[in-house]
C-alpha atoms as a PDB file:
ATOM      1  CA  UNK A   1      71.634  50.821 -87.730  1.00  0.00           C
ATOM      2  CA  UNK A   2      71.473  53.711 -85.266  1.00  0.00           C
ATOM      3  CA  UNK A   3      70.956  57.332 -86.157  1.00  0.00           C
ATOM      4  CA  UNK A   4      74.095  59.215 -87.138  1.00  0.00           C
ATOM      5  CA  UNK A   5      74.697  62.757 -85.977  1.00  0.00           C
ATOM      6  CA  UNK A   6      74.096  64.173 -89.440  1.00  0.00           C
ATOM      7  CA  UNK A   7      70.635  62.576 -89.466  1.00  0.00           C
ATOM      8  CA  UNK A   8      69.521  63.663 -85.995  1.00  0.00           C
ATOM      9  CA  UNK A   9      67.460  66.779 -85.261  1.00  0.00           C
ATOM     10  CA  UNK A  10      67.630  67.863 -81.612  1.00  0.00           C
ATOM     11  CA  UNK A  11      65.347  70.205 -79.663  1.00  0.00           C
ATOM     12  CA  UNK A  12      67.043  72.179 -76.866  1.00  0.00           C
ATOM     13  CA  UNK A  13      64.643  73.475 -74.187  1.00  0.00           C
ATOM     14  CA  UNK A  14      66.146  75.846 -71.593  1.00  0.00           C
ATOM     15  CA  UNK A  15      64.984  79.200 -70.254  1.00  0.00           C
ATOM     16  CA  UNK A  16      68.584  80.425 -69.832  1.00  0.00           C
ATOM     17  CA  UNK A  17      69.375  82.028 -73.184  1.00  0.00           C
ATOM     18  CA  UNK A  18      73.149  81.886 -72.672  1.00  0.00           C
ATOM     19  CA  UNK A  19      73.171  78.178 -71.851  1.00  0.00           C
ATOM     20  CA  UNK A  20      70.655  77.443 -74.597  1.00  0.00           C
ATOM     21  CA  UNK A  21      72.812  79.109 -77.229  1.00  0.00           C
ATOM     22  CA  UNK A  22      76.015  77.487 -75.965  1.00  0.00           C
ATOM     23  CA  UNK A  23      74.463  74.010 -76.125  1.00  0.00           C
ATOM     24  CA  UNK A  24      72.995  74.679 -79.549  1.00  0.00           C
ATOM     25  CA  UNK A  25      76.287  75.993 -80.949  1.00  0.00           C
ATOM     26  CA  UNK A  26      78.267  73.084 -79.500  1.00  0.00           C
ATOM     27  CA  UNK A  27      75.918  70.448 -80.877  1.00  0.00           C
ATOM     28  CA  UNK A  28      75.726  72.179 -84.259  1.00  0.00           C
ATOM     29  CA  UNK A  29      79.529  72.134 -84.478  1.00  0.00           C
ATOM     30  CA  UNK A  30      79.371  68.405 -83.790  1.00  0.00           C
ATOM     31  CA  UNK A  31      77.117  67.703 -86.732  1.00  0.00           C
ATOM     32  CA  UNK A  32      73.597  67.841 -85.300  1.00  0.00           C
ATOM     33  CA  UNK A  33      70.606  69.738 -86.625  1.00  0.00           C
ATOM     34  CA  UNK A  34      69.360  71.814 -83.694  1.00  0.00           C
ATOM     35  CA  UNK A  35      66.334  73.918 -82.794  1.00  0.00           C
ATOM     36  CA  UNK A  36      65.873  75.692 -79.469  1.00  0.00           C
ATOM     37  CA  UNK A  37      62.918  76.653 -77.277  1.00  0.00           C
ATOM     38  CA  UNK A  38      62.872  78.975 -74.272  1.00  0.00           C
ATOM     39  CA  UNK A  39      60.199  77.092 -72.281  1.00  0.00           C
ATOM     40  CA  UNK A  40      57.601  74.325 -72.467  1.00  0.00           C
ATOM     41  CA  UNK A  41      55.011  76.481 -74.250  1.00  0.00           C
ATOM     42  CA  UNK A  42      57.528  77.428 -76.939  1.00  0.00           C
ATOM     43  CA  UNK A  43      58.518  73.759 -77.296  1.00  0.00           C
ATOM     44  CA  UNK A  44      54.868  72.713 -77.693  1.00  0.00           C
ATOM     45  CA  UNK A  45      54.452  75.098 -80.626  1.00  0.00           C
ATOM     46  CA  UNK A  46      57.573  73.729 -82.302  1.00  0.00           C
ATOM     47  CA  UNK A  47      56.467  70.135 -81.743  1.00  0.00           C
ATOM     48  CA  UNK A  48      53.175  70.833 -83.496  1.00  0.00           C
ATOM     49  CA  UNK A  49      54.994  71.199 -86.803  1.00  0.00           C
ATOM     50  CA  UNK A  50      58.298  69.366 -86.373  1.00  0.00           C
ATOM     51  CA  UNK A  51      59.477  65.902 -85.366  1.00  0.00           C
ATOM     52  CA  UNK A  52      62.675  65.624 -83.337  1.00  0.00           C
ATOM     53  CA  UNK A  53      64.986  62.684 -82.734  1.00  0.00           C
ATOM     54  CA  UNK A  54      65.839  63.763 -79.186  1.00  0.00           C
ATOM     55  CA  UNK A  55      64.923  66.507 -76.708  1.00  0.00           C
ATOM     56  CA  UNK A  56      67.500  68.011 -74.327  1.00  0.00           C
ATOM     57  CA  UNK A  57      65.546  69.786 -71.603  1.00  0.00           C
ATOM     58  CA  UNK A  58      66.315  71.658 -68.404  1.00  0.00           C
ATOM     59  CA  UNK A  59      64.296  70.656 -65.346  1.00  0.00           C
ATOM     60  CA  UNK A  60      64.059  74.113 -63.770  1.00  0.00           C
ATOM     61  CA  UNK A  61      62.009  76.352 -66.056  1.00  0.00           C
ATOM     62  CA  UNK A  62      59.233  78.918 -65.545  1.00  0.00           C
ATOM     63  CA  UNK A  63      55.746  77.615 -66.239  1.00  0.00           C
ATOM     64  CA  UNK A  64      55.772  73.841 -66.664  1.00  0.00           C
ATOM     65  CA  UNK A  65      59.075  72.440 -65.430  1.00  0.00           C
ATOM     66  CA  UNK A  66      60.995  69.789 -67.341  1.00  0.00           C
ATOM     67  CA  UNK A  67      59.588  66.867 -65.342  1.00  0.00           C
ATOM     68  CA  UNK A  68      55.980  67.988 -65.799  1.00  0.00           C
ATOM     69  CA  UNK A  69      56.538  68.537 -69.520  1.00  0.00           C
ATOM     70  CA  UNK A  70      58.247  65.136 -69.861  1.00  0.00           C
ATOM     71  CA  UNK A  71      55.228  63.464 -68.266  1.00  0.00           C
ATOM     72  CA  UNK A  72      52.947  65.307 -70.696  1.00  0.00           C
ATOM     73  CA  UNK A  73      55.032  64.372 -73.746  1.00  0.00           C
ATOM     74  CA  UNK A  74      55.015  60.701 -72.784  1.00  0.00           C
ATOM     75  CA  UNK A  75      51.243  60.638 -73.219  1.00  0.00           C
ATOM     76  CA  UNK A  76      51.621  60.992 -76.981  1.00  0.00           C
ATOM     77  CA  UNK A  77      55.320  60.800 -77.942  1.00  0.00           C
ATOM     78  CA  UNK A  78      58.190  58.328 -77.703  1.00  0.00           C
ATOM     79  CA  UNK A  79      60.870  60.927 -78.521  1.00  0.00           C
ATOM     80  CA  UNK A  80      63.941  60.304 -76.330  1.00  0.00           C
ATOM     81  CA  UNK A  81      64.396  62.921 -73.592  1.00  0.00           C
ATOM     82  CA  UNK A  82      67.620  63.882 -71.796  1.00  0.00           C
ATOM     83  CA  UNK A  83      66.994  66.029 -68.719  1.00  0.00           C
ATOM     84  CA  UNK A  84      69.485  68.549 -67.351  1.00  0.00           C
ATOM     85  CA  UNK A  85      69.226  68.556 -63.561  1.00  0.00           C
ATOM     86  CA  UNK A  86      70.742  70.677 -60.802  1.00  0.00           C
ATOM     87  CA  UNK A  87      73.830  69.084 -59.265  1.00  0.00           C
ATOM     88  CA  UNK A  88      72.993  67.097 -56.165  1.00  0.00           C
ATOM     89  CA  UNK A  89      69.244  67.066 -56.779  1.00  0.00           C
ATOM     90  CA  UNK A  90      68.844  63.281 -56.862  1.00  0.00           C
ATOM     91  CA  UNK A  91      65.088  63.633 -56.327  1.00  0.00           C
ATOM     92  CA  UNK A  92      64.823  65.499 -59.642  1.00  0.00           C
ATOM     93  CA  UNK A  93      66.729  62.740 -61.416  1.00  0.00           C
ATOM     94  CA  UNK A  94      64.547  59.962 -60.045  1.00  0.00           C
ATOM     95  CA  UNK A  95      61.368  61.952 -60.705  1.00  0.00           C
ATOM     96  CA  UNK A  96      62.526  62.637 -64.255  1.00  0.00           C
ATOM     97  CA  UNK A  97      63.143  58.954 -64.977  1.00  0.00           C
ATOM     98  CA  UNK A  98      59.798  58.021 -63.458  1.00  0.00           C
ATOM     99  CA  UNK A  99      58.132  60.632 -65.691  1.00  0.00           C
ATOM    100  CA  UNK A 100      59.629  58.945 -68.754  1.00  0.00           C
ATOM    101  CA  UNK A 101      63.008  60.584 -69.382  1.00  0.00           C
ATOM    102  CA  UNK A 102      65.645  58.344 -70.947  1.00  0.00           C
ATOM    103  CA  UNK A 103      68.597  59.787 -69.059  1.00  0.00           C
ATOM    104  CA  UNK A 104      69.720  62.775 -67.025  1.00  0.00           C
ATOM    105  CA  UNK A 105      72.850  64.886 -66.822  1.00  0.00           C
ATOM    106  CA  UNK A 106      73.647  66.922 -63.679  1.00  0.00           C
ATOM    107  CA  UNK A 107      74.714  70.555 -64.084  1.00  0.00           C
ATOM    108  CA  UNK A 108      77.382  71.768 -64.444  1.00  0.00           C
ATOM    109  CA  UNK A 109      78.591  69.335 -67.087  1.00  0.00           C
ATOM    110  CA  UNK A 110      81.363  69.070 -69.640  1.00  0.00           C
ATOM    111  CA  UNK A 111      80.120  69.539 -73.227  1.00  0.00           C
ATOM    112  CA  UNK A 112      81.859  66.302 -74.197  1.00  0.00           C
ATOM    113  CA  UNK A 113      79.804  64.404 -71.619  1.00  0.00           C
ATOM    114  CA  UNK A 114      76.612  65.876 -73.073  1.00  0.00           C
ATOM    115  CA  UNK A 115      77.706  64.645 -76.496  1.00  0.00           C
ATOM    116  CA  UNK A 116      78.450  61.160 -75.142  1.00  0.00           C
ATOM    117  CA  UNK A 117      75.057  60.929 -73.428  1.00  0.00           C
ATOM    118  CA  UNK A 118      73.202  62.064 -76.553  1.00  0.00           C
ATOM    119  CA  UNK A 119      75.034  59.594 -78.776  1.00  0.00           C
ATOM    120  CA  UNK A 120      74.400  56.778 -76.288  1.00  0.00           C
ATOM    121  CA  UNK A 121      70.655  57.497 -76.359  1.00  0.00           C
ATOM    122  CA  UNK A 122      70.536  57.749 -80.164  1.00  0.00           C
ATOM    123  CA  UNK A 123      72.288  54.379 -80.467  1.00  0.00           C
ATOM    124  CA  UNK A 124      69.418  52.855 -78.515  1.00  0.00           C
ATOM    125  CA  UNK A 125      66.737  54.229 -80.840  1.00  0.00           C
ATOM    126  CA  UNK A 126      65.464  51.431 -83.099  1.00  0.00           C
ATOM    127  CA  UNK A 127      65.680  52.078 -86.833  1.00  0.00           C
ATOM    128  CA  UNK A 128      62.370  51.314 -88.505  1.00  0.00           C
ATOM    129  CA  UNK A 129      64.138  50.814 -91.833  1.00  0.00           C
ATOM    130  CA  UNK A 130      66.209  47.867 -90.621  1.00  0.00           C
ATOM    131  CA  UNK A 131      65.580  44.797 -92.759  1.00  0.00           C
ATOM    132  CA  UNK A 132      64.666  41.736 -90.730  1.00  0.00           C
ATOM    133  CA  UNK A 133      64.467  38.113 -91.887  1.00  0.00           C
ATOM    134  CA  UNK A 134      61.357  37.169 -89.940  1.00  0.00           C
ATOM    135  CA  UNK A 135      59.373  38.634 -87.066  1.00  0.00           C
ATOM    136  CA  UNK A 136      60.069  37.179 -83.651  1.00  0.00           C
ATOM    137  CA  UNK A 137      57.938  37.820 -80.611  1.00  0.00           C
ATOM    138  CA  UNK A 138      57.553  36.972 -76.944  1.00  0.00           C
ATOM    139  CA  UNK A 139      54.281  36.444 -75.089  1.00  0.00           C
ATOM    140  CA  UNK A 140      53.831  37.988 -71.658  1.00  0.00           C
ATOM    141  CA  UNK A 141      50.275  37.167 -70.663  1.00  0.00           C
ATOM    142  CA  UNK A 142      48.007  39.323 -72.831  1.00  0.00           C
ATOM    143  CA  UNK A 143      51.040  41.227 -74.122  1.00  0.00           C
ATOM    144  CA  UNK A 144      52.961  40.393 -77.283  1.00  0.00           C
ATOM    145  CA  UNK A 145      56.423  41.873 -77.738  1.00  0.00           C
ATOM    146  CA  UNK A 146      57.792  42.040 -81.286  1.00  0.00           C
ATOM    147  CA  UNK A 147      61.554  41.750 -80.788  1.00  0.00           C
ATOM    148  CA  UNK A 148      62.574  42.845 -84.266  1.00  0.00           C
ATOM    149  CA  UNK A 149      60.349  45.912 -84.379  1.00  0.00           C
ATOM    150  CA  UNK A 150      60.757  46.826 -80.724  1.00  0.00           C
ATOM    151  CA  UNK A 151      56.967  47.043 -80.407  1.00  0.00           C
ATOM    152  CA  UNK A 152      54.783  45.951 -77.512  1.00  0.00           C
ATOM    153  CA  UNK A 153      51.107  45.165 -78.016  1.00  0.00           C
ATOM    154  CA  UNK A 154      48.262  44.417 -75.628  1.00  0.00           C
ATOM    155  CA  UNK A 155      45.769  42.699 -77.921  1.00  0.00           C
ATOM    156  CA  UNK A 156      45.332  45.338 -80.684  1.00  0.00           C
ATOM    157  CA  UNK A 157      46.613  48.260 -78.616  1.00  0.00           C
ATOM    158  CA  UNK A 158      50.178  49.478 -79.150  1.00  0.00           C
ATOM    159  CA  UNK A 159      51.889  50.217 -75.836  1.00  0.00           C
ATOM    160  CA  UNK A 160      54.173  53.228 -76.009  1.00  0.00           C
ATOM    161  CA  UNK A 161      57.776  52.487 -75.027  1.00  0.00           C
ATOM    162  CA  UNK A 162      60.581  54.970 -74.561  1.00  0.00           C
ATOM    163  CA  UNK A 163      63.902  54.380 -76.343  1.00  0.00           C
ATOM    164  CA  UNK A 164      65.401  53.160 -73.062  1.00  0.00           C
ATOM    165  CA  UNK A 165      62.509  50.736 -72.495  1.00  0.00           C
ATOM    166  CA  UNK A 166      62.961  49.378 -76.025  1.00  0.00           C
ATOM    167  CA  UNK A 167      66.683  48.947 -75.313  1.00  0.00           C
ATOM    168  CA  UNK A 168      65.956  47.108 -72.049  1.00  0.00           C
ATOM    169  CA  UNK A 169      63.475  44.783 -73.749  1.00  0.00           C
ATOM    170  CA  UNK A 170      66.008  44.058 -76.480  1.00  0.00           C
ATOM    171  CA  UNK A 171      68.637  43.163 -73.867  1.00  0.00           C
ATOM    172  CA  UNK A 172      66.252  40.869 -71.980  1.00  0.00           C
ATOM    173  CA  UNK A 173      64.917  39.308 -75.192  1.00  0.00           C
ATOM    174  CA  UNK A 174      68.355  38.116 -76.310  1.00  0.00           C
ATOM    175  CA  UNK A 175      68.404  35.542 -73.505  1.00  0.00           C
ATOM    176  CA  UNK A 176      64.903  35.202 -72.043  1.00  0.00           C
ATOM    177  CA  UNK A 177      64.811  33.252 -68.814  1.00  0.00           C
ATOM    178  CA  UNK A 178      68.370  34.239 -67.900  1.00  0.00           C
ATOM    179  CA  UNK A 179      69.150  36.931 -65.292  1.00  0.00           C
ATOM    180  CA  UNK A 180      70.997  40.084 -66.336  1.00  0.00           C
ATOM    181  CA  UNK A 181      72.936  41.998 -63.694  1.00  0.00           C
ATOM    182  CA  UNK A 182      72.314  45.672 -63.030  1.00  0.00           C
ATOM    183  CA  UNK A 183      75.939  46.415 -63.928  1.00  0.00           C
ATOM    184  CA  UNK A 184      75.491  44.628 -67.274  1.00  0.00           C
ATOM    185  CA  UNK A 185      72.315  46.591 -67.980  1.00  0.00           C
ATOM    186  CA  UNK A 186      74.142  49.856 -67.262  1.00  0.00           C
ATOM    187  CA  UNK A 187      76.964  48.821 -69.602  1.00  0.00           C
ATOM    188  CA  UNK A 188      74.658  47.695 -72.414  1.00  0.00           C
ATOM    189  CA  UNK A 189      72.669  50.941 -72.160  1.00  0.00           C
ATOM    190  CA  UNK A 190      75.896  52.841 -72.809  1.00  0.00           C
ATOM    191  CA  UNK A 191      75.993  54.597 -69.457  1.00  0.00           C
ATOM    192  CA  UNK A 192      78.804  55.289 -67.033  1.00  0.00           C
ATOM    193  CA  UNK A 193      79.304  52.655 -64.371  1.00  0.00           C
ATOM    194  CA  UNK A 194      78.356  53.376 -60.787  1.00  0.00           C
ATOM    195  CA  UNK A 195      75.672  52.952 -58.161  1.00  0.00           C
ATOM    196  CA  UNK A 196      73.809  56.082 -59.295  1.00  0.00           C
ATOM    197  CA  UNK A 197      73.302  54.632 -62.780  1.00  0.00           C
ATOM    198  CA  UNK A 198      72.320  51.248 -61.329  1.00  0.00           C
ATOM    199  CA  UNK A 199      69.643  52.993 -59.268  1.00  0.00           C
ATOM    200  CA  UNK A 200      68.520  54.775 -62.429  1.00  0.00           C
ATOM    201  CA  UNK A 201      68.124  51.374 -64.114  1.00  0.00           C
ATOM    202  CA  UNK A 202      65.985  50.255 -61.154  1.00  0.00           C
ATOM    203  CA  UNK A 203      63.649  53.180 -61.846  1.00  0.00           C
ATOM    204  CA  UNK A 204      63.423  52.257 -65.534  1.00  0.00           C
ATOM    205  CA  UNK A 205      62.624  48.650 -64.587  1.00  0.00           C
ATOM    206  CA  UNK A 206      59.838  49.881 -62.310  1.00  0.00           C
ATOM    207  CA  UNK A 207      58.346  51.942 -65.150  1.00  0.00           C
ATOM    208  CA  UNK A 208      58.597  49.014 -67.566  1.00  0.00           C
ATOM    209  CA  UNK A 209      56.865  46.697 -65.113  1.00  0.00           C
ATOM    210  CA  UNK A 210      53.895  49.064 -64.979  1.00  0.00           C
ATOM    211  CA  UNK A 211      53.436  48.451 -68.704  1.00  0.00           C
ATOM    212  CA  UNK A 212      53.948  44.686 -68.567  1.00  0.00           C
ATOM    213  CA  UNK A 213      52.653  43.381 -65.267  1.00  0.00           C
ATOM    214  CA  UNK A 214      49.091  42.978 -64.006  1.00  0.00           C
ATOM    215  CA  UNK A 215      50.537  43.645 -60.534  1.00  0.00           C
ATOM    216  CA  UNK A 216      53.861  45.515 -60.826  1.00  0.00           C
ATOM    217  CA  UNK A 217      54.561  44.959 -57.107  1.00  0.00           C
ATOM    218  CA  UNK A 218      54.463  41.198 -57.659  1.00  0.00           C
ATOM    219  CA  UNK A 219      56.024  40.838 -61.116  1.00  0.00           C
ATOM    220  CA  UNK A 220      55.367  37.664 -63.048  1.00  0.00           C
ATOM    221  CA  UNK A 221      57.298  38.405 -66.237  1.00  0.00           C
ATOM    222  CA  UNK A 222      60.039  40.929 -65.377  1.00  0.00           C
ATOM    223  CA  UNK A 223      61.402  39.305 -62.262  1.00  0.00           C
ATOM    224  CA  UNK A 224      64.027  40.298 -59.719  1.00  0.00           C
ATOM    225  CA  UNK A 225      66.558  37.505 -59.220  1.00  0.00           C
ATOM    226  CA  UNK A 226      68.158  37.942 -55.805  1.00  0.00           C
ATOM    227  CA  UNK A 227      71.893  38.507 -56.127  1.00  0.00           C
ATOM    228  CA  UNK A 228      71.793  38.281 -59.938  1.00  0.00           C
ATOM    229  CA  UNK A 229      69.736  41.202 -61.284  1.00  0.00           C
ATOM    230  CA  UNK A 230      66.619  41.070 -63.434  1.00  0.00           C
ATOM    231  CA  UNK A 231      65.164  38.416 -65.710  1.00  0.00           C
ATOM    232  CA  UNK A 232      62.467  38.394 -68.389  1.00  0.00           C
ATOM    233  CA  UNK A 233      60.366  35.234 -68.042  1.00  0.00           C
ATOM    234  CA  UNK A 234      57.941  35.007 -71.000  1.00  0.00           C
ATOM    235  CA  UNK A 235      55.186  32.389 -71.292  1.00  0.00           C
END
């Protein structure tokens, strides 16, 4: 069962006070618990004492920008991150996904679209309280992936996965050995259709391969199937 809005606590990080307050008020009216931070340093202090279910963060900020801060957070946290990027800055979007963001939303945006993106991400977050009948896992070389728990292990080391990476592994694990099209991946991730989102999926696949493959440029387990998409090929 995914998080409901009434359960989710969101952190809004934006140096523009007007935009920050508007986002916070809108999300609060839609049932979320919200806390705001004016920059990365402020967010760090909040994160020392609080856990959040999702972070909505602007890319352009004084001090550490959103992409740099996302990269830092991914060293220790799996909290889903939605980046707000300047309209037309495709390089920021790709860089943000490569840094570990789960999704991006170009400015200016409709508040309803922000709400849809947040809910789509929260639906992908695995619930640790789900009751499972028996653990199931896949072997990818020296990696073991626990399908039910959404956990990836290399020997005794837990590999950190973002919510989007967990969602991708879940999709691939349903039918291992069968290709999944990019369009299907976009649909199952709850994103809008279109080439931009398909390219975003390509970036997420690249990041996931770095965690799975001995040589990400010549993937053994997360393969590209020409004309069909991507396929997980476990041992």
